[in-house]
Amino acid sequence: MAHTPAVPDLPESTAYSWPVPREFVHKTAHAEVLLTGWRRCGEREFEVGAQWPRDHGFWRTDEYGVQDPMLLVETTRQVLPLIAHAAYGVPSGHQLIWDHHHCAFSTPFLPVTGSPAEVVLHLSASEAPDRGMRPRRIGLSMTVRSGDRTLGSASTVYTAHSPQVYGRLRGPKTPAPPDAMAAALTPPPALTPSLVGRESEREVVLAPSADRSMGRRQLRVLTTSPWLFDHPVDHAPGMLLMEAARQSVHLATSPRRPSLTRMEAEFHRYVDLDAASWVEVSSGPDGSGRGDRVGGERTLTVSITQHGEKAFTALVGFTTQAGATATAASAR
């Protein structure tokens, strides 16, 4: 049996003065590590520190000087491998697979100040760590705070699998990550960036589709993105799928600017890199349609399908306010 290397111990610390080692958050770029430490607070309770830059390279501060709520999503995503490895003893090389990841965001979200934001996450786990009996399934609930402000919350369930088990789950025809990246579809032309709340085409993850009647768009798999594809993988990362959901809401509400209030993401199947995927938007359970009223929360449901099967769904809640009119409505 192949040896699976262990992740080095990460001592508990409340200094929160420097980033944790990148392998604990499954990143290769030091600059993309947001977490700064962790400690146990009880049998199933933990605290994790994080620092948010004043302007991230991808989860960017908006024109009103407010942090991007998706930075909270990425922060809570990084918590998953940190707790799995540091607290539960999950070995290096194990694959973590999302079941769901639900986040709620305060509105208005966190304004940017003259220094990076110091963030603390309070976690409750579904079961206590026991390094002798590594769990396959971990549930976490989190509250995210900065100073005296509650920024939001998150709940997630994920599973940890050895390389051998992951290989069986993916099937023998799944290429290794470098080969999968090399075989990825060339991204089709992007939608106009302003329509999806972005500044440049290299950030746009939606493309036009010939079938506009159902609000269908093609997913752009940007394997050259240093943020969405920090390292080689054999499928579309969850953060790419959630960014597609966010951009879909921007598109549906244009020219108004949406402010996210929640994202309830469900992961059903892997999205492969070498085949087209389709993104569709429908009314949320409240029947709120395009969500173009100013005021209370509206919802839209975003789904992504591949090979005719649903791979991802997200219920996205948001409020809207008047914004700059999009310049190319016909580009939708």
C-alpha atoms as a PDB file:
ATOM      1  CA  MET A   1       0.000   0.000   0.000  1.00  0.00           C
ATOM      2  CA  ALA A   2       1.326   3.435  -0.934  1.00  0.00           C
ATOM      3  CA  HIS A   3       2.472   5.589   1.964  1.00  0.00           C
ATOM      4  CA  THR A   4       0.375   8.712   2.559  1.00  0.00           C
ATOM      5  CA  PRO A   5       2.500  11.478   4.080  1.00  0.00           C
ATOM      6  CA  ALA A   6       1.187  13.213   7.156  1.00  0.00           C
ATOM      7  CA  VAL A   7       0.727  16.953   7.323  1.00  0.00           C
ATOM      8  CA  PRO A   8       3.203  18.474   9.827  1.00  0.00           C
ATOM      9  CA  ASP A   9       1.715  19.473  13.161  1.00  0.00           C
ATOM     10  CA  LEU A  10       0.405  23.023  13.261  1.00  0.00           C
ATOM     11  CA  PRO A  11       0.603  24.218  16.871  1.00  0.00           C
ATOM     12  CA  GLU A  12      -2.332  26.139  18.243  1.00  0.00           C
ATOM     13  CA  SER A  13      -1.756  29.878  18.366  1.00  0.00           C
ATOM     14  CA  THR A  14      -3.831  32.972  19.031  1.00  0.00           C
ATOM     15  CA  ALA A  15      -1.159  35.425  17.877  1.00  0.00           C
ATOM     16  CA  TYR A  16      -2.748  35.545  14.396  1.00  0.00           C
ATOM     17  CA  SER A  17       0.326  37.427  13.201  1.00  0.00           C
ATOM     18  CA  TRP A  18       1.350  35.483  10.099  1.00  0.00           C
ATOM     19  CA  PRO A  19      -0.245  33.129   7.553  1.00  0.00           C
ATOM     20  CA  VAL A  20      -0.511  29.424   8.285  1.00  0.00           C
ATOM     21  CA  PRO A  21       1.580  27.122   6.044  1.00  0.00           C
ATOM     22  CA  ARG A  22       0.015  27.006   2.590  1.00  0.00           C
ATOM     23  CA  GLU A  23      -0.412  23.204   2.561  1.00  0.00           C
ATOM     24  CA  PHE A  24      -2.946  23.540   5.382  1.00  0.00           C
ATOM     25  CA  VAL A  25      -5.321  25.523   3.134  1.00  0.00           C
ATOM     26  CA  HIS A  26      -4.518  23.703  -0.141  1.00  0.00           C
ATOM     27  CA  LYS A  27      -2.837  26.674  -1.805  1.00  0.00           C
ATOM     28  CA  THR A  28       0.486  26.939  -3.608  1.00  0.00           C
ATOM     29  CA  ALA A  29       0.683  30.755  -3.605  1.00  0.00           C
ATOM     30  CA  HIS A  30       1.650  32.197  -0.229  1.00  0.00           C
ATOM     31  CA  ALA A  31      -0.159  35.425  -1.108  1.00  0.00           C
ATOM     32  CA  GLU A  32      -3.500  33.579  -1.337  1.00  0.00           C
ATOM     33  CA  VAL A  33      -3.373  32.220   2.235  1.00  0.00           C
ATOM     34  CA  LEU A  34      -5.915  34.148   4.332  1.00  0.00           C
ATOM     35  CA  LEU A  35      -5.811  32.182   7.607  1.00  0.00           C
ATOM     36  CA  THR A  36      -3.432  33.150  10.405  1.00  0.00           C
ATOM     37  CA  GLY A  37      -3.842  30.519  13.125  1.00  0.00           C
ATOM     38  CA  TRP A  38      -6.185  28.333  15.116  1.00  0.00           C
ATOM     39  CA  ARG A  39      -6.968  27.008  18.590  1.00  0.00           C
ATOM     40  CA  ARG A  40      -9.349  24.618  20.327  1.00  0.00           C
ATOM     41  CA  CYS A  41     -12.012  26.212  22.512  1.00  0.00           C
ATOM     42  CA  GLY A  42     -13.835  23.067  23.632  1.00  0.00           C
ATOM     43  CA  GLU A  43     -14.483  19.458  22.709  1.00  0.00           C
ATOM     44  CA  ARG A  44     -15.980  20.387  19.322  1.00  0.00           C
ATOM     45  CA  GLU A  45     -15.313  24.139  19.222  1.00  0.00           C
ATOM     46  CA  PHE A  46     -12.473  26.005  17.513  1.00  0.00           C
ATOM     47  CA  GLU A  47     -11.353  29.530  16.744  1.00  0.00           C
ATOM     48  CA  VAL A  48      -9.546  30.468  13.527  1.00  0.00           C
ATOM     49  CA  GLY A  49      -7.890  33.793  12.710  1.00  0.00           C
ATOM     50  CA  ALA A  50      -7.742  35.393   9.267  1.00  0.00           C
ATOM     51  CA  GLN A  51      -6.609  38.613   7.666  1.00  0.00           C
ATOM     52  CA  TRP A  52      -8.271  40.210   4.658  1.00  0.00           C
ATOM     53  CA  PRO A  53      -6.240  42.539   2.412  1.00  0.00           C
ATOM     54  CA  ARG A  54      -7.585  45.980   1.633  1.00  0.00           C
ATOM     55  CA  ASP A  55      -7.967  44.920  -1.993  1.00  0.00           C
ATOM     56  CA  HIS A  56      -7.658  41.292  -3.043  1.00  0.00           C
ATOM     57  CA  GLY A  57      -6.530  40.452  -6.562  1.00  0.00           C
ATOM     58  CA  PHE A  58      -9.811  38.721  -7.444  1.00  0.00           C
ATOM     59  CA  TRP A  59     -12.302  39.179  -4.579  1.00  0.00           C
ATOM     60  CA  ARG A  60     -12.001  42.891  -5.066  1.00  0.00           C
ATOM     61  CA  THR A  61     -13.155  45.914  -3.073  1.00  0.00           C
ATOM     62  CA  ASP A  62     -16.096  47.567  -4.828  1.00  0.00           C
ATOM     63  CA  GLU A  63     -16.463  51.175  -5.959  1.00  0.00           C
ATOM     64  CA  TYR A  64     -18.016  52.075  -2.598  1.00  0.00           C
ATOM     65  CA  GLY A  65     -15.006  50.839  -0.628  1.00  0.00           C
ATOM     66  CA  VAL A  66     -16.697  47.671   0.666  1.00  0.00           C
ATOM     67  CA  GLN A  67     -15.065  44.236   0.784  1.00  0.00           C
ATOM     68  CA  ASP A  68     -16.325  41.527  -1.563  1.00  0.00           C
ATOM     69  CA  PRO A  69     -18.545  39.041   0.365  1.00  0.00           C
ATOM     70  CA  MET A  70     -16.990  36.248  -1.700  1.00  0.00           C
ATOM     71  CA  LEU A  71     -13.857  36.847   0.379  1.00  0.00           C
ATOM     72  CA  LEU A  72     -15.845  35.419   3.289  1.00  0.00           C
ATOM     73  CA  VAL A  73     -16.701  32.375   1.169  1.00  0.00           C
ATOM     74  CA  GLU A  74     -13.034  31.781   0.301  1.00  0.00           C
ATOM     75  CA  THR A  75     -12.036  32.271   3.950  1.00  0.00           C
ATOM     76  CA  THR A  76     -14.546  29.674   5.140  1.00  0.00           C
ATOM     77  CA  ARG A  77     -13.386  27.352   2.343  1.00  0.00           C
ATOM     78  CA  GLN A  78      -9.818  27.567   3.627  1.00  0.00           C
ATOM     79  CA  VAL A  79     -11.040  26.608   7.089  1.00  0.00           C
ATOM     80  CA  LEU A  80     -12.064  23.162   5.794  1.00  0.00           C
ATOM     81  CA  PRO A  81      -8.575  21.791   5.064  1.00  0.00           C
ATOM     82  CA  LEU A  82      -7.070  23.630   8.051  1.00  0.00           C
ATOM     83  CA  ILE A  83      -9.391  21.940  10.540  1.00  0.00           C
ATOM     84  CA  ALA A  84      -9.259  18.610   8.687  1.00  0.00           C
ATOM     85  CA  HIS A  85      -5.466  18.459   8.820  1.00  0.00           C
ATOM     86  CA  ALA A  86      -4.644  20.334  12.054  1.00  0.00           C
ATOM     87  CA  ALA A  87      -7.467  19.094  14.293  1.00  0.00           C
ATOM     88  CA  TYR A  88      -8.620  15.786  12.771  1.00  0.00           C
ATOM     89  CA  GLY A  89      -5.285  14.500  11.501  1.00  0.00           C
ATOM     90  CA  VAL A  90      -6.404  13.992   7.896  1.00  0.00           C
ATOM     91  CA  PRO A  91      -3.181  13.136   6.004  1.00  0.00           C
ATOM     92  CA  SER A  92      -1.648  15.151   3.200  1.00  0.00           C
ATOM     93  CA  GLY A  93      -2.882  14.166  -0.252  1.00  0.00           C
ATOM     94  CA  HIS A  94      -6.421  13.389   0.886  1.00  0.00           C
ATOM     95  CA  GLN A  95      -9.137  14.990  -1.230  1.00  0.00           C
ATOM     96  CA  LEU A  96     -11.814  17.065   0.474  1.00  0.00           C
ATOM     97  CA  ILE A  97     -15.185  16.920  -1.267  1.00  0.00           C
ATOM     98  CA  TRP A  98     -17.946  19.439  -0.610  1.00  0.00           C
ATOM     99  CA  ASP A  99     -21.510  18.312   0.005  1.00  0.00           C
ATOM    100  CA  HIS A 100     -22.839  21.815   0.581  1.00  0.00           C
ATOM    101  CA  HIS A 101     -21.524  25.205   1.607  1.00  0.00           C
ATOM    102  CA  HIS A 102     -24.033  27.783   2.859  1.00  0.00           C
ATOM    103  CA  CYS A 103     -22.994  31.346   3.689  1.00  0.00           C
ATOM    104  CA  ALA A 104     -24.928  34.375   4.957  1.00  0.00           C
ATOM    105  CA  PHE A 105     -23.522  37.903   4.707  1.00  0.00           C
ATOM    106  CA  SER A 106     -24.200  41.040   6.718  1.00  0.00           C
ATOM    107  CA  THR A 107     -25.507  44.014   4.761  1.00  0.00           C
ATOM    108  CA  PRO A 108     -23.889  46.400   4.382  1.00  0.00           C
ATOM    109  CA  PHE A 109     -20.741  44.297   4.291  1.00  0.00           C
ATOM    110  CA  LEU A 110     -17.358  45.260   5.758  1.00  0.00           C
ATOM    111  CA  PRO A 111     -16.024  48.693   4.697  1.00  0.00           C
ATOM    112  CA  VAL A 112     -12.310  48.915   3.922  1.00  0.00           C
ATOM    113  CA  THR A 113     -10.202  50.980   6.340  1.00  0.00           C
ATOM    114  CA  GLY A 114      -6.579  52.065   6.352  1.00  0.00           C
ATOM    115  CA  SER A 115      -5.327  48.617   7.375  1.00  0.00           C
ATOM    116  CA  PRO A 116      -6.143  44.977   6.563  1.00  0.00           C
ATOM    117  CA  ALA A 117      -9.169  43.536   8.354  1.00  0.00           C
ATOM    118  CA  GLU A 118      -8.465  41.184  11.247  1.00  0.00           C
ATOM    119  CA  VAL A 119     -11.110  38.459  11.147  1.00  0.00           C
ATOM    120  CA  VAL A 120     -11.951  35.745  13.675  1.00  0.00           C
ATOM    121  CA  LEU A 121     -14.073  32.676  12.928  1.00  0.00           C
ATOM    122  CA  HIS A 122     -15.813  30.752  15.726  1.00  0.00           C
ATOM    123  CA  LEU A 123     -16.444  27.129  14.719  1.00  0.00           C
ATOM    124  CA  SER A 124     -18.573  24.293  15.996  1.00  0.00           C
ATOM    125  CA  ALA A 125     -17.929  20.816  14.568  1.00  0.00           C
ATOM    126  CA  SER A 126     -20.373  17.934  14.187  1.00  0.00           C
ATOM    127  CA  GLU A 127     -18.085  15.611  16.121  1.00  0.00           C
ATOM    128  CA  ALA A 128     -15.024  15.906  18.302  1.00  0.00           C
ATOM    129  CA  PRO A 129     -11.589  15.219  16.791  1.00  0.00           C
ATOM    130  CA  ASP A 130     -10.193  11.744  17.414  1.00  0.00           C
ATOM    131  CA  ARG A 131      -6.931  11.114  15.598  1.00  0.00           C
ATOM    132  CA  GLY A 132      -7.335   7.382  16.133  1.00  0.00           C
ATOM    133  CA  MET A 133     -10.667   7.331  14.276  1.00  0.00           C
ATOM    134  CA  ARG A 134     -10.440   9.792  11.400  1.00  0.00           C
ATOM    135  CA  PRO A 135     -13.915  10.794  10.238  1.00  0.00           C
ATOM    136  CA  ARG A 136     -14.888  10.569   6.600  1.00  0.00           C
ATOM    137  CA  ARG A 137     -17.562  13.249   7.006  1.00  0.00           C
ATOM    138  CA  ILE A 138     -17.126  16.570   8.823  1.00  0.00           C
ATOM    139  CA  GLY A 139     -19.754  19.234   9.447  1.00  0.00           C
ATOM    140  CA  LEU A 140     -18.801  22.751  10.510  1.00  0.00           C
ATOM    141  CA  SER A 141     -20.839  25.788  11.533  1.00  0.00           C
ATOM    142  CA  MET A 142     -19.031  29.128  11.645  1.00  0.00           C
ATOM    143  CA  THR A 143     -19.638  32.700  12.738  1.00  0.00           C
ATOM    144  CA  VAL A 144     -17.345  35.292  11.161  1.00  0.00           C
ATOM    145  CA  ARG A 145     -16.499  38.509  13.022  1.00  0.00           C
ATOM    146  CA  SER A 146     -14.179  41.484  12.658  1.00  0.00           C
ATOM    147  CA  GLY A 147     -13.840  43.509  15.831  1.00  0.00           C
ATOM    148  CA  ASP A 148     -17.335  44.069  17.196  1.00  0.00           C
ATOM    149  CA  ARG A 149     -19.016  43.397  13.828  1.00  0.00           C
ATOM    150  CA  THR A 150     -20.572  40.105  12.768  1.00  0.00           C
ATOM    151  CA  LEU A 151     -19.784  39.734   9.059  1.00  0.00           C
ATOM    152  CA  GLY A 152     -21.712  36.551   8.416  1.00  0.00           C
ATOM    153  CA  SER A 153     -21.951  32.853   9.033  1.00  0.00           C
ATOM    154  CA  ALA A 154     -21.356  29.605   7.204  1.00  0.00           C
ATOM    155  CA  SER A 155     -22.299  25.957   7.493  1.00  0.00           C
ATOM    156  CA  THR A 156     -20.738  23.171   5.487  1.00  0.00           C
ATOM    157  CA  VAL A 157     -20.484  19.415   5.222  1.00  0.00           C
ATOM    158  CA  TYR A 158     -17.541  17.780   3.476  1.00  0.00           C
ATOM    159  CA  THR A 159     -15.837  14.422   3.243  1.00  0.00           C
ATOM    160  CA  ALA A 160     -12.160  13.463   3.232  1.00  0.00           C
ATOM    161  CA  HIS A 161     -10.922  10.633   1.006  1.00  0.00           C
ATOM    162  CA  SER A 162      -7.574   8.970   0.440  1.00  0.00           C
ATOM    163  CA  PRO A 163      -6.058   9.166  -3.064  1.00  0.00           C
ATOM    164  CA  GLN A 164      -7.070   5.543  -3.644  1.00  0.00           C
ATOM    165  CA  VAL A 165     -10.716   6.129  -2.691  1.00  0.00           C
ATOM    166  CA  TYR A 166     -10.820   9.399  -4.628  1.00  0.00           C
ATOM    167  CA  GLY A 167      -9.499   7.591  -7.694  1.00  0.00           C
ATOM    168  CA  ARG A 168     -12.346   5.082  -7.458  1.00  0.00           C
ATOM    169  CA  LEU A 169     -14.896   7.872  -7.040  1.00  0.00           C
ATOM    170  CA  ARG A 170     -13.634   9.707 -10.122  1.00  0.00           C
ATOM    171  CA  GLY A 171     -13.247   6.596 -12.237  1.00  0.00           C
ATOM    172  CA  PRO A 172     -10.331   5.114 -14.209  1.00  0.00           C
ATOM    173  CA  LYS A 173     -10.807   7.414 -17.209  1.00  0.00           C
ATOM    174  CA  THR A 174     -10.263  10.607 -15.201  1.00  0.00           C
ATOM    175  CA  PRO A 175      -6.892  12.110 -16.187  1.00  0.00           C
ATOM    176  CA  ALA A 176      -4.352  13.268 -13.642  1.00  0.00           C
ATOM    177  CA  PRO A 177      -4.690  16.963 -12.748  1.00  0.00           C
ATOM    178  CA  PRO A 178      -1.936  18.261 -15.087  1.00  0.00           C
ATOM    179  CA  ASP A 179      -3.406  16.284 -17.996  1.00  0.00           C
ATOM    180  CA  ALA A 180      -6.937  17.422 -17.151  1.00  0.00           C
ATOM    181  CA  MET A 181      -5.792  21.036 -17.139  1.00  0.00           C
ATOM    182  CA  ALA A 182      -4.059  20.581 -20.491  1.00  0.00           C
ATOM    183  CA  ALA A 183      -7.231  19.071 -21.976  1.00  0.00           C
ATOM    184  CA  ALA A 184      -9.545  21.820 -20.688  1.00  0.00           C
ATOM    185  CA  LEU A 185     -11.791  23.555 -23.212  1.00  0.00           C
ATOM    186  CA  THR A 186     -10.542  26.854 -24.532  1.00  0.00           C
ATOM    187  CA  PRO A 187     -12.705  29.503 -22.817  1.00  0.00           C
ATOM    188  CA  PRO A 188     -15.293  30.967 -25.191  1.00  0.00           C
ATOM    189  CA  PRO A 189     -15.604  34.761 -25.560  1.00  0.00           C
ATOM    190  CA  ALA A 190     -16.650  36.450 -22.332  1.00  0.00           C
ATOM    191  CA  LEU A 191     -19.758  38.439 -21.570  1.00  0.00           C
ATOM    192  CA  THR A 192     -19.192  42.179 -21.166  1.00  0.00           C
ATOM    193  CA  PRO A 193     -17.422  42.467 -17.766  1.00  0.00           C
ATOM    194  CA  SER A 194     -19.603  45.306 -16.449  1.00  0.00           C
ATOM    195  CA  LEU A 195     -22.712  43.148 -16.878  1.00  0.00           C
ATOM    196  CA  VAL A 196     -21.419  40.595 -14.372  1.00  0.00           C
ATOM    197  CA  GLY A 197     -19.793  42.964 -11.901  1.00  0.00           C
ATOM    198  CA  ARG A 198     -16.257  42.528 -13.192  1.00  0.00           C
ATOM    199  CA  GLU A 199     -13.549  44.811 -14.561  1.00  0.00           C
ATOM    200  CA  SER A 200     -11.842  42.668 -17.192  1.00  0.00           C
ATOM    201  CA  GLU A 201     -12.600  39.651 -19.372  1.00  0.00           C
ATOM    202  CA  ARG A 202      -9.964  37.567 -17.576  1.00  0.00           C
ATOM    203  CA  GLU A 203     -12.279  37.613 -14.533  1.00  0.00           C
ATOM    204  CA  VAL A 204     -15.529  36.730 -16.342  1.00  0.00           C
ATOM    205  CA  VAL A 205     -16.676  33.126 -15.938  1.00  0.00           C
ATOM    206  CA  LEU A 206     -19.804  33.355 -18.144  1.00  0.00           C
ATOM    207  CA  ALA A 207     -20.030  33.299 -21.934  1.00  0.00           C
ATOM    208  CA  PRO A 208     -22.958  34.019 -24.270  1.00  0.00           C
ATOM    209  CA  SER A 209     -25.031  31.127 -25.555  1.00  0.00           C
ATOM    210  CA  ALA A 210     -27.076  30.788 -28.713  1.00  0.00           C
ATOM    211  CA  ASP A 211     -30.017  29.714 -26.530  1.00  0.00           C
ATOM    212  CA  ARG A 212     -31.028  32.948 -24.784  1.00  0.00           C
ATOM    213  CA  SER A 213     -34.674  32.040 -24.194  1.00  0.00           C
ATOM    214  CA  MET A 214     -33.929  30.214 -20.934  1.00  0.00           C
ATOM    215  CA  GLY A 215     -31.233  32.591 -19.735  1.00  0.00           C
ATOM    216  CA  ARG A 216     -28.617  29.959 -20.516  1.00  0.00           C
ATOM    217  CA  ARG A 217     -24.910  30.835 -20.476  1.00  0.00           C
ATOM    218  CA  GLN A 218     -21.778  28.747 -20.927  1.00  0.00           C
ATOM    219  CA  LEU A 219     -19.354  28.375 -18.045  1.00  0.00           C
ATOM    220  CA  ARG A 220     -15.895  29.768 -18.832  1.00  0.00           C
ATOM    221  CA  VAL A 221     -13.267  27.548 -17.220  1.00  0.00           C
ATOM    222  CA  LEU A 222     -10.329  29.896 -16.737  1.00  0.00           C
ATOM    223  CA  THR A 223      -7.510  27.478 -15.991  1.00  0.00           C
ATOM    224  CA  THR A 224      -4.986  30.318 -16.401  1.00  0.00           C
ATOM    225  CA  SER A 225      -6.541  32.242 -13.490  1.00  0.00           C
ATOM    226  CA  PRO A 226      -4.050  32.302 -10.599  1.00  0.00           C
ATOM    227  CA  TRP A 227      -6.950  32.736  -8.164  1.00  0.00           C
ATOM    228  CA  LEU A 228      -9.515  30.190  -9.353  1.00  0.00           C
ATOM    229  CA  PHE A 229      -6.858  27.639 -10.376  1.00  0.00           C
ATOM    230  CA  ASP A 230      -4.060  28.069  -7.841  1.00  0.00           C
ATOM    231  CA  HIS A 231      -2.787  24.548  -8.613  1.00  0.00           C
ATOM    232  CA  PRO A 232      -3.617  21.728 -11.076  1.00  0.00           C
ATOM    233  CA  VAL A 233      -6.930  19.961 -10.459  1.00  0.00           C
ATOM    234  CA  ASP A 234      -9.004  17.436 -12.414  1.00  0.00           C
ATOM    235  CA  HIS A 235     -12.344  19.271 -12.131  1.00  0.00           C
ATOM    236  CA  ALA A 236     -13.798  22.762 -11.843  1.00  0.00           C
ATOM    237  CA  PRO A 237     -13.177  24.115  -8.316  1.00  0.00           C
ATOM    238  CA  GLY A 238     -16.132  24.901  -6.105  1.00  0.00           C
ATOM    239  CA  MET A 239     -15.129  28.550  -5.876  1.00  0.00           C
ATOM    240  CA  LEU A 240     -15.398  28.834  -9.682  1.00  0.00           C
ATOM    241  CA  LEU A 241     -18.939  27.454  -9.562  1.00  0.00           C
ATOM    242  CA  MET A 242     -19.956  29.833  -6.784  1.00  0.00           C
ATOM    243  CA  GLU A 243     -18.411  32.767  -8.648  1.00  0.00           C
ATOM    244  CA  ALA A 244     -20.508  31.758 -11.666  1.00  0.00           C
ATOM    245  CA  ALA A 245     -23.588  31.921  -9.431  1.00  0.00           C
ATOM    246  CA  ARG A 246     -22.636  35.375  -8.201  1.00  0.00           C
ATOM    247  CA  GLN A 247     -21.955  36.674 -11.721  1.00  0.00           C
ATOM    248  CA  SER A 248     -25.291  35.232 -12.881  1.00  0.00           C
ATOM    249  CA  VAL A 249     -27.088  37.336 -10.283  1.00  0.00           C
ATOM    250  CA  HIS A 250     -25.235  40.468 -11.453  1.00  0.00           C
ATOM    251  CA  LEU A 251     -26.332  39.685 -14.994  1.00  0.00           C
ATOM    252  CA  ALA A 252     -29.950  39.064 -14.008  1.00  0.00           C
ATOM    253  CA  THR A 253     -30.258  42.301 -12.017  1.00  0.00           C
ATOM    254  CA  SER A 254     -28.327  44.638 -14.322  1.00  0.00           C
ATOM    255  CA  PRO A 255     -28.322  47.653 -14.367  1.00  0.00           C
ATOM    256  CA  ARG A 256     -28.923  47.519 -10.618  1.00  0.00           C
ATOM    257  CA  ARG A 257     -26.049  46.385  -8.429  1.00  0.00           C
ATOM    258  CA  PRO A 258     -26.827  43.371  -6.194  1.00  0.00           C
ATOM    259  CA  SER A 259     -25.499  43.047  -2.654  1.00  0.00           C
ATOM    260  CA  LEU A 260     -25.280  39.415  -1.600  1.00  0.00           C
ATOM    261  CA  THR A 261     -27.146  38.375   1.542  1.00  0.00           C
ATOM    262  CA  ARG A 262     -26.652  34.597   1.261  1.00  0.00           C
ATOM    263  CA  MET A 263     -25.462  31.789  -0.985  1.00  0.00           C
ATOM    264  CA  GLU A 264     -26.673  28.248  -0.367  1.00  0.00           C
ATOM    265  CA  ALA A 265     -24.548  26.080  -2.649  1.00  0.00           C
ATOM    266  CA  GLU A 266     -25.106  22.361  -3.239  1.00  0.00           C
ATOM    267  CA  PHE A 267     -22.528  20.201  -5.032  1.00  0.00           C
ATOM    268  CA  HIS A 268     -24.058  17.212  -6.837  1.00  0.00           C
ATOM    269  CA  ARG A 269     -21.442  16.022  -9.353  1.00  0.00           C
ATOM    270  CA  TYR A 270     -17.953  16.924 -10.527  1.00  0.00           C
ATOM    271  CA  VAL A 271     -17.707  19.426 -13.378  1.00  0.00           C
ATOM    272  CA  ASP A 272     -15.041  18.141 -15.784  1.00  0.00           C
ATOM    273  CA  LEU A 273     -12.733  20.548 -17.569  1.00  0.00           C
ATOM    274  CA  ASP A 274     -12.888  19.070 -21.071  1.00  0.00           C
ATOM    275  CA  ALA A 275     -16.640  19.408 -21.739  1.00  0.00           C
ATOM    276  CA  ALA A 276     -19.027  22.348 -21.940  1.00  0.00           C
ATOM    277  CA  SER A 277     -21.098  23.262 -18.882  1.00  0.00           C
ATOM    278  CA  TRP A 278     -24.241  25.381 -18.899  1.00  0.00           C
ATOM    279  CA  VAL A 279     -25.400  27.938 -16.374  1.00  0.00           C
ATOM    280  CA  GLU A 280     -29.102  28.740 -15.996  1.00  0.00           C
ATOM    281  CA  VAL A 281     -30.996  31.125 -13.716  1.00  0.00           C
ATOM    282  CA  SER A 282     -34.529  30.707 -12.445  1.00  0.00           C
ATOM    283  CA  SER A 283     -36.746  32.346  -9.853  1.00  0.00           C
ATOM    284  CA  GLY A 284     -36.064  31.509  -6.247  1.00  0.00           C
ATOM    285  CA  PRO A 285     -38.694  29.812  -4.071  1.00  0.00           C
ATOM    286  CA  ASP A 286     -40.189  33.230  -3.296  1.00  0.00           C
ATOM    287  CA  GLY A 287     -40.962  33.682  -7.008  1.00  0.00           C
ATOM    288  CA  SER A 288     -38.847  36.803  -7.096  1.00  0.00           C
ATOM    289  CA  GLY A 289     -37.837  36.533 -10.753  1.00  0.00           C
ATOM    290  CA  ARG A 290     -35.189  38.973 -11.915  1.00  0.00           C
ATOM    291  CA  GLY A 291     -35.004  40.613  -8.516  1.00  0.00           C
ATOM    292  CA  ASP A 292     -35.135  44.162  -9.872  1.00  0.00           C
ATOM    293  CA  ARG A 293     -36.997  45.724  -6.942  1.00  0.00           C
ATOM    294  CA  VAL A 294     -34.988  47.931  -4.599  1.00  0.00           C
ATOM    295  CA  GLY A 295     -35.355  47.018  -0.938  1.00  0.00           C
ATOM    296  CA  GLY A 296     -35.891  43.604   0.643  1.00  0.00           C
ATOM    297  CA  GLU A 297     -34.085  40.383  -0.090  1.00  0.00           C
ATOM    298  CA  ARG A 298     -34.801  38.645  -3.386  1.00  0.00           C
ATOM    299  CA  THR A 299     -33.558  35.222  -4.440  1.00  0.00           C
ATOM    300  CA  LEU A 300     -32.535  33.487  -7.642  1.00  0.00           C
ATOM    301  CA  THR A 301     -31.592  29.869  -8.207  1.00  0.00           C
ATOM    302  CA  VAL A 302     -28.534  29.188 -10.348  1.00  0.00           C
ATOM    303  CA  SER A 303     -27.885  25.711 -11.714  1.00  0.00           C
ATOM    304  CA  ILE A 304     -24.948  24.289 -13.663  1.00  0.00           C
ATOM    305  CA  THR A 305     -25.365  21.207 -15.836  1.00  0.00           C
ATOM    306  CA  GLN A 306     -22.889  19.097 -17.782  1.00  0.00           C
ATOM    307  CA  HIS A 307     -23.610  16.104 -20.025  1.00  0.00           C
ATOM    308  CA  GLY A 308     -27.304  16.773 -19.369  1.00  0.00           C
ATOM    309  CA  GLU A 309     -26.964  16.208 -15.607  1.00  0.00           C
ATOM    310  CA  LYS A 310     -27.202  18.767 -12.827  1.00  0.00           C
ATOM    311  CA  ALA A 311     -23.822  19.253 -11.170  1.00  0.00           C
ATOM    312  CA  PHE A 312     -24.329  22.321  -8.974  1.00  0.00           C
ATOM    313  CA  THR A 313     -27.143  24.480  -7.655  1.00  0.00           C
ATOM    314  CA  ALA A 314     -27.098  27.650  -5.580  1.00  0.00           C
ATOM    315  CA  LEU A 315     -29.860  29.700  -4.035  1.00  0.00           C
ATOM    316  CA  VAL A 316     -28.531  33.262  -4.021  1.00  0.00           C
ATOM    317  CA  GLY A 317     -30.131  35.943  -1.863  1.00  0.00           C
ATOM    318  CA  PHE A 318     -29.470  39.618  -2.496  1.00  0.00           C
ATOM    319  CA  THR A 319     -30.754  43.141  -2.266  1.00  0.00           C
ATOM    320  CA  THR A 320     -30.430  45.669  -5.071  1.00  0.00           C
ATOM    321  CA  GLN A 321     -29.704  49.343  -5.338  1.00  0.00           C
ATOM    322  CA  ALA A 322     -29.483  51.688  -8.275  1.00  0.00           C
ATOM    323  CA  GLY A 323     -26.162  51.579 -10.095  1.00  0.00           C
ATOM    324  CA  ALA A 324     -24.520  52.575 -13.310  1.00  0.00           C
ATOM    325  CA  THR A 325     -26.521  51.462 -16.334  1.00  0.00           C
ATOM    326  CA  ALA A 326     -24.912  48.580 -18.181  1.00  0.00           C
ATOM    327  CA  THR A 327     -23.690  49.680 -21.571  1.00  0.00           C
ATOM    328  CA  ALA A 328     -24.450  46.599 -23.616  1.00  0.00           C
ATOM    329  CA  ALA A 329     -27.761  45.034 -22.671  1.00  0.00           C
ATOM    330  CA  SER A 330     -27.829  43.304 -26.031  1.00  0.00           C
ATOM    331  CA  ALA A 331     -24.654  41.431 -25.032  1.00  0.00           C
ATOM    332  CA  ARG A 332     -26.659  39.368 -22.559  1.00  0.00           C
END
